[in-house]
Amino acid sequence: MNRPVPLDHPQEVPATPRSRPRPVVLLLTVLTFTAGLVDAVSVLGLGHVFTSLMTGNVVYLGLGLAGRGQEFPLHALLAIASFVGGAWLAAIISRRFLERSLRAWLSRVCLIETCALVLSIAIALAAGEHGQVIEAATPRLLMIAALAFAMGVRTASVAHIPIADMKTTVLTLTLASLAADAGSAGTGMLRRFVSVVTLCLGALAGATLIQHFGVVVALAVMASLVAGSTAAFLATAEARLPAASLAKR
């Protein structure tokens, strides 16, 4: 007969494992980091133009048209037009594949973004530009167009993933929400804080890579992070779900 366990010696209960970040959140965090990195490349290496954060380009365009900008408004206008073109293509892909699964959809937009990043690297190498700044006018314009197109594809695609405050390239509203909800606790507050810090760290990493290794190496690191993180996510079970279902998890 089994003896009862004494009350002063209770059986040990296995510890509950800590909850791990969802794969899609990890993916969006890496993409936020690369958004900071690519704008460091464009601002420092391509002549004071943003290829990810379009708000700055609209301001640069207005200053340029007024004759007060540091660069010709052509750079800002080209970036805006290329970004819109990338977003338009992403919208077409989303309409065709979004209801199937994240894997069917993200694999295509990731391939397009990575190809655009690799194209920008090839342009710099073909022009013999290996330093901290792309000096030649034509390669600079082509790289601005390629990078802004890639970020347009990215931004329009991520907008369909229903994870609040993880849009990878848009932080204005995130900062406003962070300030409005200061003092509160919860997952949303943490995500906002992580998004802001991650974008800043991406810009820091980009500036450091450019200073020590040049624009090409910085872009190569970005392309590797985008392709690697997306490939890792596509191998998870979450990637087999449609995007709309993520809001219910």
C-alpha atoms as a PDB file:
ATOM      1  CA  MET A   1       0.000   0.000   0.000  1.00  0.00           C
ATOM      2  CA  ASN A   2       1.322   3.434  -0.902  1.00  0.00           C
ATOM      3  CA  ARG A   3       1.860   5.788   1.992  1.00  0.00           C
ATOM      4  CA  PRO A   4       0.362   9.297   1.764  1.00  0.00           C
ATOM      5  CA  VAL A   5       2.787  12.085   1.190  1.00  0.00           C
ATOM      6  CA  PRO A   6       3.266  14.168   4.381  1.00  0.00           C
ATOM      7  CA  LEU A   7       1.897  17.666   4.208  1.00  0.00           C
ATOM      8  CA  ASP A   8       5.234  19.156   5.224  1.00  0.00           C
ATOM      9  CA  HIS A   9       6.982  17.445   2.299  1.00  0.00           C
ATOM     10  CA  PRO A  10       4.912  18.275  -0.832  1.00  0.00           C
ATOM     11  CA  GLN A  11       5.848  16.831  -4.193  1.00  0.00           C
ATOM     12  CA  GLU A  12       7.784  19.148  -6.488  1.00  0.00           C
ATOM     13  CA  VAL A  13       5.823  20.655  -9.336  1.00  0.00           C
ATOM     14  CA  PRO A  14       7.741  20.988 -12.632  1.00  0.00           C
ATOM     15  CA  ALA A  15       8.569  24.594 -13.412  1.00  0.00           C
ATOM     16  CA  THR A  16       6.502  26.159 -16.159  1.00  0.00           C
ATOM     17  CA  PRO A  17       8.760  27.063 -19.089  1.00  0.00           C
ATOM     18  CA  ARG A  18       9.036  30.730 -19.914  1.00  0.00           C
ATOM     19  CA  SER A  19       6.997  31.911 -22.832  1.00  0.00           C
ATOM     20  CA  ARG A  20       9.113  32.527 -25.888  1.00  0.00           C
ATOM     21  CA  PRO A  21       8.634  35.416 -28.311  1.00  0.00           C
ATOM     22  CA  ARG A  22       6.487  34.453 -31.266  1.00  0.00           C
ATOM     23  CA  PRO A  23       8.445  33.799 -34.482  1.00  0.00           C
ATOM     24  CA  VAL A  24       6.627  36.570 -36.348  1.00  0.00           C
ATOM     25  CA  VAL A  25       7.553  39.098 -33.641  1.00  0.00           C
ATOM     26  CA  LEU A  26      11.213  38.062 -33.871  1.00  0.00           C
ATOM     27  CA  LEU A  27      11.061  38.463 -37.656  1.00  0.00           C
ATOM     28  CA  LEU A  28       9.566  41.952 -37.401  1.00  0.00           C
ATOM     29  CA  THR A  29      12.199  42.933 -34.848  1.00  0.00           C
ATOM     30  CA  VAL A  30      15.014  41.957 -37.210  1.00  0.00           C
ATOM     31  CA  LEU A  31      13.339  43.813 -40.071  1.00  0.00           C
ATOM     32  CA  THR A  32      13.037  46.916 -37.886  1.00  0.00           C
ATOM     33  CA  PHE A  33      16.775  46.699 -37.231  1.00  0.00           C
ATOM     34  CA  THR A  34      17.488  46.534 -40.967  1.00  0.00           C
ATOM     35  CA  ALA A  35      15.256  49.567 -41.592  1.00  0.00           C
ATOM     36  CA  GLY A  36      17.538  51.623 -39.370  1.00  0.00           C
ATOM     37  CA  LEU A  37      20.541  50.147 -41.130  1.00  0.00           C
ATOM     38  CA  VAL A  38      19.353  50.988 -44.650  1.00  0.00           C
ATOM     39  CA  ASP A  39      18.549  54.584 -43.769  1.00  0.00           C
ATOM     40  CA  ALA A  40      22.018  54.947 -42.254  1.00  0.00           C
ATOM     41  CA  VAL A  41      23.377  53.810 -45.613  1.00  0.00           C
ATOM     42  CA  SER A  42      21.213  56.183 -47.618  1.00  0.00           C
ATOM     43  CA  VAL A  43      21.689  59.245 -45.413  1.00  0.00           C
ATOM     44  CA  LEU A  44      25.435  58.814 -44.921  1.00  0.00           C
ATOM     45  CA  GLY A  45      26.397  57.140 -48.182  1.00  0.00           C
ATOM     46  CA  LEU A  46      23.901  58.333 -50.786  1.00  0.00           C
ATOM     47  CA  GLY A  47      23.539  62.007 -50.041  1.00  0.00           C
ATOM     48  CA  HIS A  48      21.038  62.911 -47.327  1.00  0.00           C
ATOM     49  CA  VAL A  49      18.073  60.924 -48.583  1.00  0.00           C
ATOM     50  CA  PHE A  50      15.907  58.342 -46.825  1.00  0.00           C
ATOM     51  CA  THR A  51      15.093  55.052 -48.512  1.00  0.00           C
ATOM     52  CA  SER A  52      12.901  53.688 -45.718  1.00  0.00           C
ATOM     53  CA  LEU A  53      11.363  56.603 -43.784  1.00  0.00           C
ATOM     54  CA  MET A  54       9.491  58.589 -46.419  1.00  0.00           C
ATOM     55  CA  THR A  55       8.398  61.418 -44.111  1.00  0.00           C
ATOM     56  CA  GLY A  56      11.915  62.820 -44.189  1.00  0.00           C
ATOM     57  CA  ASN A  57      11.972  62.725 -47.988  1.00  0.00           C
ATOM     58  CA  VAL A  58       8.779  64.755 -48.236  1.00  0.00           C
ATOM     59  CA  VAL A  59      10.427  67.417 -46.063  1.00  0.00           C
ATOM     60  CA  TYR A  60      13.640  67.249 -48.131  1.00  0.00           C
ATOM     61  CA  LEU A  61      11.573  67.620 -51.300  1.00  0.00           C
ATOM     62  CA  GLY A  62       9.871  70.753 -50.004  1.00  0.00           C
ATOM     63  CA  LEU A  63      13.179  72.253 -48.882  1.00  0.00           C
ATOM     64  CA  GLY A  64      14.760  71.433 -52.221  1.00  0.00           C
ATOM     65  CA  LEU A  65      11.946  73.025 -54.182  1.00  0.00           C
ATOM     66  CA  ALA A  66      12.369  76.133 -52.051  1.00  0.00           C
ATOM     67  CA  GLY A  67      16.083  76.201 -52.812  1.00  0.00           C
ATOM     68  CA  ARG A  68      17.012  75.584 -49.188  1.00  0.00           C
ATOM     69  CA  GLY A  69      17.865  71.883 -49.305  1.00  0.00           C
ATOM     70  CA  GLN A  70      21.381  70.473 -49.117  1.00  0.00           C
ATOM     71  CA  GLU A  71      20.752  68.172 -52.067  1.00  0.00           C
ATOM     72  CA  PHE A  72      18.784  68.413 -55.281  1.00  0.00           C
ATOM     73  CA  PRO A  73      15.114  67.489 -54.781  1.00  0.00           C
ATOM     74  CA  LEU A  74      15.644  64.804 -57.437  1.00  0.00           C
ATOM     75  CA  HIS A  75      17.021  62.428 -54.792  1.00  0.00           C
ATOM     76  CA  ALA A  76      13.972  62.764 -52.545  1.00  0.00           C
ATOM     77  CA  LEU A  77      11.559  62.596 -55.477  1.00  0.00           C
ATOM     78  CA  LEU A  78      13.249  59.481 -56.856  1.00  0.00           C
ATOM     79  CA  ALA A  79      13.119  57.784 -53.469  1.00  0.00           C
ATOM     80  CA  ILE A  80       9.417  58.581 -53.027  1.00  0.00           C
ATOM     81  CA  ALA A  81       8.514  57.384 -56.526  1.00  0.00           C
ATOM     82  CA  SER A  82      10.504  54.151 -56.144  1.00  0.00           C
ATOM     83  CA  PHE A  83       9.015  53.498 -52.712  1.00  0.00           C
ATOM     84  CA  VAL A  84       5.491  53.909 -54.112  1.00  0.00           C
ATOM     85  CA  GLY A  85       6.360  51.542 -56.969  1.00  0.00           C
ATOM     86  CA  GLY A  86       7.519  48.888 -54.522  1.00  0.00           C
ATOM     87  CA  ALA A  87       4.403  49.327 -52.409  1.00  0.00           C
ATOM     88  CA  TRP A  88       2.225  48.975 -55.512  1.00  0.00           C
ATOM     89  CA  LEU A  89       3.903  45.685 -56.441  1.00  0.00           C
ATOM     90  CA  ALA A  90       3.523  44.397 -52.874  1.00  0.00           C
ATOM     91  CA  ALA A  91      -0.181  45.225 -52.994  1.00  0.00           C
ATOM     92  CA  ILE A  92      -0.602  43.086 -56.114  1.00  0.00           C
ATOM     93  CA  ILE A  93       1.217  40.158 -54.473  1.00  0.00           C
ATOM     94  CA  SER A  94      -0.818  40.559 -51.294  1.00  0.00           C
ATOM     95  CA  ARG A  95      -4.117  40.392 -53.135  1.00  0.00           C
ATOM     96  CA  ARG A  96      -3.105  37.126 -54.790  1.00  0.00           C
ATOM     97  CA  PHE A  97      -1.443  35.257 -51.926  1.00  0.00           C
ATOM     98  CA  LEU A  98      -2.368  36.875 -48.598  1.00  0.00           C
ATOM     99  CA  GLU A  99      -5.321  34.579 -47.867  1.00  0.00           C
ATOM    100  CA  ARG A 100      -3.269  31.424 -48.454  1.00  0.00           C
ATOM    101  CA  SER A 101      -0.503  31.563 -45.862  1.00  0.00           C
ATOM    102  CA  LEU A 102       2.310  33.783 -44.692  1.00  0.00           C
ATOM    103  CA  ARG A 103       4.770  31.399 -46.325  1.00  0.00           C
ATOM    104  CA  ALA A 104       3.211  31.715 -49.783  1.00  0.00           C
ATOM    105  CA  TRP A 105       3.168  35.493 -49.484  1.00  0.00           C
ATOM    106  CA  LEU A 106       6.309  36.446 -47.545  1.00  0.00           C
ATOM    107  CA  SER A 107       8.554  34.161 -49.571  1.00  0.00           C
ATOM    108  CA  ARG A 108       7.743  36.210 -52.671  1.00  0.00           C
ATOM    109  CA  VAL A 109       8.072  39.679 -51.153  1.00  0.00           C
ATOM    110  CA  CYS A 110      11.283  38.668 -49.371  1.00  0.00           C
ATOM    111  CA  LEU A 111      12.758  37.446 -52.640  1.00  0.00           C
ATOM    112  CA  ILE A 112      11.929  40.762 -54.330  1.00  0.00           C
ATOM    113  CA  GLU A 113      13.386  42.805 -51.467  1.00  0.00           C
ATOM    114  CA  THR A 114      16.555  40.719 -51.325  1.00  0.00           C
ATOM    115  CA  CYS A 115      17.040  40.955 -55.089  1.00  0.00           C
ATOM    116  CA  ALA A 116      16.711  44.749 -54.912  1.00  0.00           C
ATOM    117  CA  LEU A 117      19.311  44.866 -52.125  1.00  0.00           C
ATOM    118  CA  VAL A 118      21.683  42.644 -54.081  1.00  0.00           C
ATOM    119  CA  LEU A 119      21.135  44.836 -57.149  1.00  0.00           C
ATOM    120  CA  SER A 120      22.191  47.920 -55.183  1.00  0.00           C
ATOM    121  CA  ILE A 121      25.350  46.106 -54.097  1.00  0.00           C
ATOM    122  CA  ALA A 122      26.081  45.067 -57.683  1.00  0.00           C
ATOM    123  CA  ILE A 123      25.649  48.675 -58.861  1.00  0.00           C
ATOM    124  CA  ALA A 124      28.183  49.922 -56.311  1.00  0.00           C
ATOM    125  CA  LEU A 125      30.679  47.186 -57.156  1.00  0.00           C
ATOM    126  CA  ALA A 126      30.301  47.717 -60.913  1.00  0.00           C
ATOM    127  CA  ALA A 127      31.028  51.422 -60.417  1.00  0.00           C
ATOM    128  CA  GLY A 128      34.077  50.667 -58.296  1.00  0.00           C
ATOM    129  CA  GLU A 129      32.501  52.327 -55.247  1.00  0.00           C
ATOM    130  CA  HIS A 130      33.774  50.617 -52.104  1.00  0.00           C
ATOM    131  CA  GLY A 131      34.062  53.506 -49.663  1.00  0.00           C
ATOM    132  CA  GLN A 132      31.889  55.320 -47.165  1.00  0.00           C
ATOM    133  CA  VAL A 133      30.169  57.508 -49.773  1.00  0.00           C
ATOM    134  CA  ILE A 134      28.948  56.713 -53.287  1.00  0.00           C
ATOM    135  CA  GLU A 135      30.503  59.554 -55.235  1.00  0.00           C
ATOM    136  CA  ALA A 136      29.366  58.924 -58.824  1.00  0.00           C
ATOM    137  CA  ALA A 137      25.966  60.448 -59.635  1.00  0.00           C
ATOM    138  CA  THR A 138      24.475  57.649 -61.734  1.00  0.00           C
ATOM    139  CA  PRO A 139      25.257  54.750 -59.352  1.00  0.00           C
ATOM    140  CA  ARG A 140      23.983  56.875 -56.481  1.00  0.00           C
ATOM    141  CA  LEU A 141      20.636  57.470 -58.194  1.00  0.00           C
ATOM    142  CA  LEU A 142      20.277  53.823 -59.184  1.00  0.00           C
ATOM    143  CA  MET A 143      21.021  52.676 -55.643  1.00  0.00           C
ATOM    144  CA  ILE A 144      18.506  55.123 -54.184  1.00  0.00           C
ATOM    145  CA  ALA A 145      15.861  53.752 -56.545  1.00  0.00           C
ATOM    146  CA  ALA A 146      16.680  50.101 -55.742  1.00  0.00           C
ATOM    147  CA  LEU A 147      16.760  50.562 -51.980  1.00  0.00           C
ATOM    148  CA  ALA A 148      13.600  52.688 -51.835  1.00  0.00           C
ATOM    149  CA  PHE A 149      11.803  50.142 -54.026  1.00  0.00           C
ATOM    150  CA  ALA A 150      12.843  47.366 -51.624  1.00  0.00           C
ATOM    151  CA  MET A 151      11.569  49.323 -48.641  1.00  0.00           C
ATOM    152  CA  GLY A 152       8.286  50.066 -50.416  1.00  0.00           C
ATOM    153  CA  VAL A 153       7.780  46.341 -50.916  1.00  0.00           C
ATOM    154  CA  ARG A 154       8.651  45.760 -47.264  1.00  0.00           C
ATOM    155  CA  THR A 155       6.447  48.456 -45.759  1.00  0.00           C
ATOM    156  CA  ALA A 156       3.340  47.615 -47.771  1.00  0.00           C
ATOM    157  CA  SER A 157       3.786  43.915 -46.978  1.00  0.00           C
ATOM    158  CA  VAL A 158       4.326  44.269 -43.230  1.00  0.00           C
ATOM    159  CA  ALA A 159       1.236  46.484 -43.025  1.00  0.00           C
ATOM    160  CA  HIS A 160      -0.846  43.343 -43.597  1.00  0.00           C
ATOM    161  CA  ILE A 161       0.622  41.544 -40.566  1.00  0.00           C
ATOM    162  CA  PRO A 162      -1.737  42.350 -37.666  1.00  0.00           C
ATOM    163  CA  ILE A 163       0.907  42.805 -34.968  1.00  0.00           C
ATOM    164  CA  ALA A 164       0.420  46.186 -33.310  1.00  0.00           C
ATOM    165  CA  ASP A 165       3.376  48.590 -33.107  1.00  0.00           C
ATOM    166  CA  MET A 166       5.657  46.347 -35.212  1.00  0.00           C
ATOM    167  CA  LYS A 167       5.569  48.021 -38.628  1.00  0.00           C
ATOM    168  CA  THR A 168       9.403  48.031 -39.023  1.00  0.00           C
ATOM    169  CA  THR A 169       9.668  51.376 -40.859  1.00  0.00           C
ATOM    170  CA  VAL A 170       7.014  53.637 -39.287  1.00  0.00           C
ATOM    171  CA  LEU A 171       7.636  54.797 -35.717  1.00  0.00           C
ATOM    172  CA  THR A 172       5.944  58.199 -35.459  1.00  0.00           C
ATOM    173  CA  LEU A 173       2.670  56.779 -34.141  1.00  0.00           C
ATOM    174  CA  THR A 174       4.587  54.210 -32.103  1.00  0.00           C
ATOM    175  CA  LEU A 175       6.415  56.995 -30.266  1.00  0.00           C
ATOM    176  CA  ALA A 176       3.161  58.853 -29.697  1.00  0.00           C
ATOM    177  CA  SER A 177       1.528  55.708 -28.290  1.00  0.00           C
ATOM    178  CA  LEU A 178       4.571  55.044 -26.123  1.00  0.00           C
ATOM    179  CA  ALA A 179       4.268  58.486 -24.563  1.00  0.00           C
ATOM    180  CA  ALA A 180       0.482  58.295 -24.214  1.00  0.00           C
ATOM    181  CA  ASP A 181       0.643  54.930 -22.425  1.00  0.00           C
ATOM    182  CA  ALA A 182       3.669  55.754 -20.260  1.00  0.00           C
ATOM    183  CA  GLY A 183       3.486  53.969 -16.934  1.00  0.00           C
ATOM    184  CA  SER A 184       1.252  51.168 -18.145  1.00  0.00           C
ATOM    185  CA  ALA A 185       2.430  47.604 -18.423  1.00  0.00           C
ATOM    186  CA  GLY A 186       1.797  44.971 -21.034  1.00  0.00           C
ATOM    187  CA  THR A 187       3.006  43.409 -24.247  1.00  0.00           C
ATOM    188  CA  GLY A 188       2.028  46.418 -26.379  1.00  0.00           C
ATOM    189  CA  MET A 189       4.142  48.806 -24.319  1.00  0.00           C
ATOM    190  CA  LEU A 190       7.130  46.476 -24.537  1.00  0.00           C
ATOM    191  CA  ARG A 191       6.782  46.093 -28.296  1.00  0.00           C
ATOM    192  CA  ARG A 192       6.726  49.858 -28.805  1.00  0.00           C
ATOM    193  CA  PHE A 193       9.839  50.302 -26.722  1.00  0.00           C
ATOM    194  CA  VAL A 194      11.633  47.455 -28.498  1.00  0.00           C
ATOM    195  CA  SER A 195      10.713  48.885 -31.920  1.00  0.00           C
ATOM    196  CA  VAL A 196      12.176  52.298 -31.111  1.00  0.00           C
ATOM    197  CA  VAL A 197      15.363  50.899 -29.597  1.00  0.00           C
ATOM    198  CA  THR A 198      15.822  48.370 -32.415  1.00  0.00           C
ATOM    199  CA  LEU A 199      15.541  51.003 -35.145  1.00  0.00           C
ATOM    200  CA  CYS A 200      18.080  53.160 -33.320  1.00  0.00           C
ATOM    201  CA  LEU A 201      20.457  50.215 -32.949  1.00  0.00           C
ATOM    202  CA  GLY A 202      20.091  49.466 -36.658  1.00  0.00           C
ATOM    203  CA  ALA A 203      21.108  53.023 -37.530  1.00  0.00           C
ATOM    204  CA  LEU A 204      24.042  52.768 -35.124  1.00  0.00           C
ATOM    205  CA  ALA A 205      25.155  49.487 -36.666  1.00  0.00           C
ATOM    206  CA  GLY A 206      24.817  50.920 -40.161  1.00  0.00           C
ATOM    207  CA  ALA A 207      26.884  53.983 -39.335  1.00  0.00           C
ATOM    208  CA  THR A 208      29.569  51.811 -37.723  1.00  0.00           C
ATOM    209  CA  LEU A 209      29.739  49.422 -40.668  1.00  0.00           C
ATOM    210  CA  ILE A 210      29.977  52.293 -43.145  1.00  0.00           C
ATOM    211  CA  GLN A 211      32.730  53.997 -41.172  1.00  0.00           C
ATOM    212  CA  HIS A 212      34.895  50.897 -40.887  1.00  0.00           C
ATOM    213  CA  PHE A 213      33.988  48.819 -43.954  1.00  0.00           C
ATOM    214  CA  GLY A 214      32.029  50.962 -46.428  1.00  0.00           C
ATOM    215  CA  VAL A 215      28.561  51.053 -47.934  1.00  0.00           C
ATOM    216  CA  VAL A 216      28.791  47.706 -49.756  1.00  0.00           C
ATOM    217  CA  VAL A 217      29.519  45.723 -46.597  1.00  0.00           C
ATOM    218  CA  ALA A 218      26.683  47.446 -44.734  1.00  0.00           C
ATOM    219  CA  LEU A 219      24.240  46.523 -47.502  1.00  0.00           C
ATOM    220  CA  ALA A 220      25.558  42.954 -47.624  1.00  0.00           C
ATOM    221  CA  VAL A 221      24.907  42.591 -43.888  1.00  0.00           C
ATOM    222  CA  MET A 222      21.387  43.934 -44.366  1.00  0.00           C
ATOM    223  CA  ALA A 223      20.599  41.581 -47.256  1.00  0.00           C
ATOM    224  CA  SER A 224      21.860  38.619 -45.215  1.00  0.00           C
ATOM    225  CA  LEU A 225      19.715  39.577 -42.220  1.00  0.00           C
ATOM    226  CA  VAL A 226      16.585  40.029 -44.332  1.00  0.00           C
ATOM    227  CA  ALA A 227      17.002  36.764 -46.221  1.00  0.00           C
ATOM    228  CA  GLY A 228      18.161  34.768 -43.187  1.00  0.00           C
ATOM    229  CA  SER A 229      15.464  35.937 -40.764  1.00  0.00           C
ATOM    230  CA  THR A 230      12.693  35.451 -43.310  1.00  0.00           C
ATOM    231  CA  ALA A 231      13.942  31.967 -44.239  1.00  0.00           C
ATOM    232  CA  ALA A 232      14.043  31.017 -40.542  1.00  0.00           C
ATOM    233  CA  PHE A 233      10.484  32.268 -40.047  1.00  0.00           C
ATOM    234  CA  LEU A 234       9.177  30.451 -43.119  1.00  0.00           C
ATOM    235  CA  ALA A 235      10.374  27.181 -41.560  1.00  0.00           C
ATOM    236  CA  THR A 236       8.114  27.644 -38.504  1.00  0.00           C
ATOM    237  CA  ALA A 237       4.565  26.396 -38.018  1.00  0.00           C
ATOM    238  CA  GLU A 238       3.318  29.978 -37.700  1.00  0.00           C
ATOM    239  CA  ALA A 239       4.302  30.631 -41.321  1.00  0.00           C
ATOM    240  CA  ARG A 240       1.674  28.143 -42.473  1.00  0.00           C
ATOM    241  CA  LEU A 241      -1.117  30.338 -41.087  1.00  0.00           C
ATOM    242  CA  PRO A 242      -2.899  33.087 -43.017  1.00  0.00           C
ATOM    243  CA  ALA A 243      -1.952  36.598 -41.927  1.00  0.00           C
ATOM    244  CA  ALA A 244      -5.425  37.385 -40.549  1.00  0.00           C
ATOM    245  CA  SER A 245      -5.190  34.559 -38.018  1.00  0.00           C
ATOM    246  CA  LEU A 246      -2.205  36.153 -36.280  1.00  0.00           C
ATOM    247  CA  ALA A 247      -4.473  38.755 -34.689  1.00  0.00           C
ATOM    248  CA  LYS A 248      -6.297  35.950 -32.848  1.00  0.00           C
ATOM    249  CA  ARG A 249      -3.145  34.378 -31.357  1.00  0.00           C
END
